Amino acid sequence: MTNDANRNRASFPVFDEITTRWADNDLYGHVNNVTYYAWFDSSVNRYLIEEGGLDIHRGDNIAYVVSSSCDYFSPIAYPERVEAGLRVEKLGNSSVIYNIGIFRQGEDEACALGKFVHVFVDRETDRPVPVPQGIRTALEKLLVQ
């Protein structure tokens, strides 16, 4: 389980603004759990593209999600505006473990905390490769000790 310090806004170096959509709500009146995973994927990949230079269409290397999970603490519902905080828990040779906190705008404690693991692979061979240098440099900025 997660301790409270890990859920604090101050422990995330970068944020991505998200607008909930009507379709995100489920029959229970809150954002469905699968939507959080889409937010994780979008936030991580946006950072990799914009800050690390990941070329998702023509690059030699791509990243596969090999594991993901989420702990939920309080519900979110449309029409709330939320932010995804991003940090790196561990940066390995060919893999990275991200933590993504989902926050209501202006709140200090995450409503949900995700873990997301990428392995970088060669697009042609599907074999693991070292994290490309530009991406590694971008990810090092998010590494939280």
Protein backbone atom coordinates (compact mmCIF):
# COMPACT_ATOMS: atom_id res chain seq x y z
CA MET A 1 0.00 0.00 0.00
CA THR A 2 1.01 3.59 -0.50
CA ASN A 3 2.04 5.94 2.27
CA ASP A 4 0.65 9.48 2.38
CA ALA A 5 3.95 11.14 1.39
CA ASN A 6 3.89 9.24 -1.93
CA ARG A 7 0.47 10.72 -2.67
CA ASN A 8 1.51 14.33 -2.07
CA ARG A 9 1.60 16.74 -5.01
CA ALA A 10 5.07 17.95 -3.99
CA SER A 11 6.55 14.52 -4.78
CA PHE A 12 5.72 14.85 -8.50
CA PRO A 13 8.02 17.04 -10.62
CA VAL A 14 5.78 17.34 -13.74
CA PHE A 15 2.03 17.71 -14.28
CA ASP A 16 -0.27 17.19 -17.24
CA GLU A 17 -3.73 18.80 -17.25
CA ILE A 18 -6.66 16.51 -18.05
CA THR A 19 -10.28 17.38 -18.70
CA THR A 20 -12.74 14.67 -17.78
CA ARG A 21 -15.39 13.81 -20.36
CA TRP A 22 -19.04 12.90 -20.02
CA ALA A 23 -18.23 9.43 -21.35
CA ASP A 24 -15.66 8.86 -18.57
CA ASN A 25 -18.38 8.45 -15.93
CA ASP A 26 -19.75 4.99 -15.31
CA LEU A 27 -23.15 3.90 -13.97
CA TYR A 28 -21.97 4.62 -10.43
CA GLY A 29 -21.51 8.30 -11.28
CA HIS A 30 -17.72 8.48 -11.16
CA VAL A 31 -14.84 8.08 -13.61
CA ASN A 32 -14.45 4.40 -14.47
CA ASN A 33 -11.19 2.69 -13.53
CA VAL A 34 -10.18 1.99 -17.14
CA THR A 35 -10.09 5.72 -17.84
CA TYR A 36 -7.28 6.19 -15.31
CA TYR A 37 -5.11 3.79 -17.32
CA ALA A 38 -5.71 5.84 -20.48
CA TRP A 39 -4.67 8.95 -18.53
CA PHE A 40 -1.47 7.19 -17.39
CA ASP A 41 -0.61 6.12 -20.92
CA SER A 42 -1.31 9.56 -22.40
CA SER A 43 0.64 11.45 -19.74
CA VAL A 44 3.71 9.21 -19.92
CA ASN A 45 3.81 9.17 -23.70
CA ARG A 46 3.22 12.91 -24.01
CA TYR A 47 6.24 13.47 -21.77
CA LEU A 48 8.39 11.01 -23.73
CA ILE A 49 7.43 12.62 -27.04
CA GLU A 50 7.72 16.26 -25.96
CA GLU A 51 10.67 16.05 -23.58
CA GLY A 52 12.53 12.93 -24.67
CA GLY A 53 12.09 13.04 -28.43
CA LEU A 54 10.32 9.68 -28.74
CA ASP A 55 9.21 9.19 -32.36
CA ILE A 56 6.21 6.89 -32.05
CA HIS A 57 5.76 6.58 -35.82
CA ARG A 58 9.26 6.15 -37.27
CA GLY A 59 11.70 5.74 -34.38
CA ASP A 60 13.96 2.70 -34.16
CA ASN A 61 12.94 2.16 -30.53
CA ILE A 62 9.52 1.97 -28.94
CA ALA A 63 8.29 1.30 -25.41
CA TYR A 64 5.94 -1.48 -24.35
CA VAL A 65 3.87 -1.40 -21.19
CA VAL A 66 4.69 -4.65 -19.39
CA SER A 67 2.96 -3.96 -16.09
CA SER A 68 0.49 -1.46 -14.66
CA SER A 69 -1.55 -1.03 -11.52
CA CYS A 70 -3.55 1.59 -9.68
CA ASP A 71 -4.60 2.31 -6.12
CA TYR A 72 -7.76 4.42 -5.79
CA PHE A 73 -8.35 6.69 -2.81
CA SER A 74 -11.26 8.98 -3.72
CA PRO A 75 -13.58 9.13 -6.73
CA ILE A 76 -13.49 11.70 -9.52
CA ALA A 77 -16.51 12.54 -11.66
CA TYR A 78 -17.28 14.57 -14.76
CA PRO A 79 -16.99 17.62 -15.07
CA GLU A 80 -13.94 17.84 -12.80
CA ARG A 81 -10.58 19.03 -14.09
CA VAL A 82 -7.70 16.88 -12.97
CA GLU A 83 -3.94 16.73 -13.30
CA ALA A 84 -1.64 13.78 -13.74
CA GLY A 85 1.60 14.12 -11.77
CA LEU A 86 4.50 12.13 -13.18
CA ARG A 87 7.66 10.85 -11.51
CA VAL A 88 10.15 8.05 -12.12
CA GLU A 89 10.50 5.49 -9.35
CA LYS A 90 13.29 3.49 -11.01
CA LEU A 91 15.29 3.92 -14.20
CA GLY A 92 16.99 0.74 -15.36
CA ASN A 93 19.00 -0.15 -18.45
CA SER A 94 16.04 -0.91 -20.72
CA SER A 95 13.08 -0.26 -18.43
CA VAL A 96 11.51 2.47 -16.36
CA ILE A 97 8.96 2.42 -13.54
CA TYR A 98 6.71 5.48 -13.43
CA ASN A 99 4.35 6.65 -10.71
CA ILE A 100 1.40 8.71 -11.85
CA GLY A 101 -0.70 10.60 -9.33
CA ILE A 102 -4.15 11.77 -10.37
CA PHE A 103 -5.07 14.99 -8.57
CA ARG A 104 -8.10 17.22 -8.56
CA GLN A 105 -6.97 20.66 -9.65
CA GLY A 106 -5.58 22.52 -6.66
CA GLU A 107 -5.59 19.55 -4.26
CA ASP A 108 -2.42 18.27 -2.61
CA GLU A 109 -3.31 14.60 -2.18
CA ALA A 110 -3.74 12.22 -5.10
CA CYS A 111 -7.14 10.62 -5.69
CA ALA A 112 -5.39 7.70 -7.38
CA LEU A 113 -1.81 6.51 -7.70
CA GLY A 114 -0.71 4.43 -10.65
CA LYS A 115 2.39 2.41 -11.39
CA PHE A 116 3.36 1.92 -15.01
CA VAL A 117 6.36 -0.05 -16.34
CA HIS A 118 7.83 0.50 -19.80
CA VAL A 119 10.44 -1.68 -21.50
CA PHE A 120 12.19 -0.13 -24.49
CA VAL A 121 12.58 -2.43 -27.47
CA ASP A 122 13.88 -2.34 -31.01
CA ARG A 123 10.89 -1.78 -33.30
CA GLU A 124 12.03 -4.44 -35.79
CA THR A 125 13.28 -7.22 -33.49
CA ASP A 126 11.05 -6.67 -30.43
CA ARG A 127 14.17 -7.22 -28.29
CA PRO A 128 14.99 -4.99 -25.31
CA VAL A 129 17.39 -2.10 -25.92
CA PRO A 130 18.92 0.49 -23.60
CA VAL A 131 16.68 3.47 -22.91
CA PRO A 132 17.60 5.93 -25.71
CA GLN A 133 19.86 8.72 -24.43
CA GLY A 134 17.46 11.61 -25.10
CA ILE A 135 14.69 9.79 -23.28
CA ARG A 136 17.02 8.76 -20.45
CA THR A 137 18.03 12.40 -19.95
CA ALA A 138 14.36 13.45 -19.81
CA LEU A 139 13.50 10.63 -17.39
CA GLU A 140 16.41 11.46 -15.07
CA LYS A 141 14.70 14.83 -14.43
CA LEU A 142 11.74 12.89 -12.98
CA LEU A 143 13.72 10.47 -10.85
CA VAL A 144 12.65 10.82 -7.24
CA GLN A 145 14.93 9.40 -4.56
